[in-house]
Amino acid sequence: MKAKMLLGLAVLALAGCSNQPAYTAHYYETHKVALQRELARCKKADTLSGNAKKNCQTAARVNAAEALFGGGTNNPNLLP
């Protein structure tokens, strides 16, 4: 009985780990380490779904824009 309860708690804990929040382009523009971490994670992943897929697409789009525009931004909230 105790082993079943422990196994059930472990399954619930692992299921909760997969709920990744969806990040915006603004988040990746202002958090460069998170952008690089997400790009590396996406490169390793075989299949993606849900928010993980959205985050990979957003991170790739931000990375491509930074490569194209040299990391600059036209967001008035981020300009000096």
Protein backbone atom coordinates (compact mmCIF):
# COMPACT_ATOMS: atom_id res chain seq x y z
CA MET A 1 0.00 0.00 0.00
CA LYS A 2 2.79 2.39 0.96
CA ALA A 3 4.71 1.61 -2.25
CA LYS A 4 1.64 2.32 -4.40
CA MET A 5 1.09 5.66 -2.70
CA LEU A 6 4.74 6.61 -3.17
CA LEU A 7 4.61 5.60 -6.83
CA GLY A 8 1.44 7.67 -7.32
CA LEU A 9 3.09 10.74 -5.79
CA ALA A 10 6.14 10.28 -7.99
CA VAL A 11 3.98 10.10 -11.12
CA LEU A 12 2.11 13.26 -10.14
CA ALA A 13 5.35 15.09 -9.42
CA LEU A 14 6.80 14.14 -12.80
CA ALA A 15 3.58 15.07 -14.59
CA GLY A 16 3.75 18.53 -13.06
CA CYS A 17 7.27 19.06 -14.38
CA SER A 18 6.11 18.90 -17.99
CA ASN A 19 3.85 21.94 -17.66
CA GLN A 20 6.17 24.56 -19.07
CA PRO A 21 4.89 28.13 -19.26
CA ALA A 22 4.74 29.83 -22.65
CA TYR A 23 7.21 32.69 -22.91
CA THR A 24 6.87 35.75 -25.13
CA ALA A 25 9.34 37.20 -27.60
CA HIS A 26 9.84 40.12 -25.21
CA TYR A 27 10.92 37.66 -22.50
CA TYR A 28 13.53 36.08 -24.77
CA GLU A 29 14.72 39.52 -25.97
CA THR A 30 15.40 40.59 -22.39
CA HIS A 31 16.62 37.22 -21.02
CA LYS A 32 19.50 36.17 -23.28
CA VAL A 33 20.56 33.23 -21.11
CA ALA A 34 17.04 31.81 -21.22
CA LEU A 35 17.03 32.27 -25.01
CA GLN A 36 20.26 30.31 -25.42
CA ARG A 37 19.08 27.62 -23.00
CA GLU A 38 15.80 27.23 -24.89
CA LEU A 39 17.56 27.03 -28.26
CA ALA A 40 19.86 24.30 -26.91
CA ARG A 41 16.91 22.38 -25.44
CA CYS A 42 14.97 22.63 -28.70
CA LYS A 43 17.95 21.39 -30.68
CA LYS A 44 18.15 18.24 -28.52
CA ALA A 45 14.42 17.49 -28.43
CA ASP A 46 13.00 14.82 -30.71
CA THR A 47 9.35 15.82 -30.47
CA LEU A 48 7.72 18.89 -29.01
CA SER A 49 4.14 19.79 -28.25
CA GLY A 50 2.14 22.42 -26.43
CA ASN A 51 4.02 25.25 -24.78
CA ALA A 52 7.40 23.60 -25.40
CA LYS A 53 6.77 23.80 -29.15
CA LYS A 54 5.58 27.42 -28.88
CA ASN A 55 8.66 28.36 -26.86
CA CYS A 56 10.97 26.79 -29.44
CA GLN A 57 9.25 28.68 -32.25
CA THR A 58 9.39 31.96 -30.33
CA ALA A 59 13.04 31.48 -29.36
CA ALA A 60 13.98 30.63 -32.94
CA ARG A 61 12.13 33.71 -34.24
CA VAL A 62 13.86 36.00 -31.69
CA ASN A 63 17.25 34.47 -32.46
CA ALA A 64 16.74 34.95 -36.21
CA ALA A 65 15.68 38.57 -35.70
CA GLU A 66 18.75 39.25 -33.57
CA ALA A 67 20.99 37.71 -36.22
CA LEU A 68 19.31 39.81 -38.92
CA PHE A 69 19.18 43.10 -37.03
CA GLY A 70 22.27 42.69 -34.87
CA GLY A 71 20.40 42.35 -31.60
CA GLY A 72 18.78 45.74 -31.92
CA THR A 73 15.18 46.39 -31.20
CA ASN A 74 12.45 48.73 -32.33
CA ASN A 75 10.54 48.22 -29.10
CA PRO A 76 10.26 51.69 -27.54
CA ASN A 77 10.14 50.18 -24.05
CA LEU A 78 13.62 48.74 -24.51
CA LEU A 79 15.27 51.76 -26.13
CA PRO A 80 17.47 54.05 -24.01
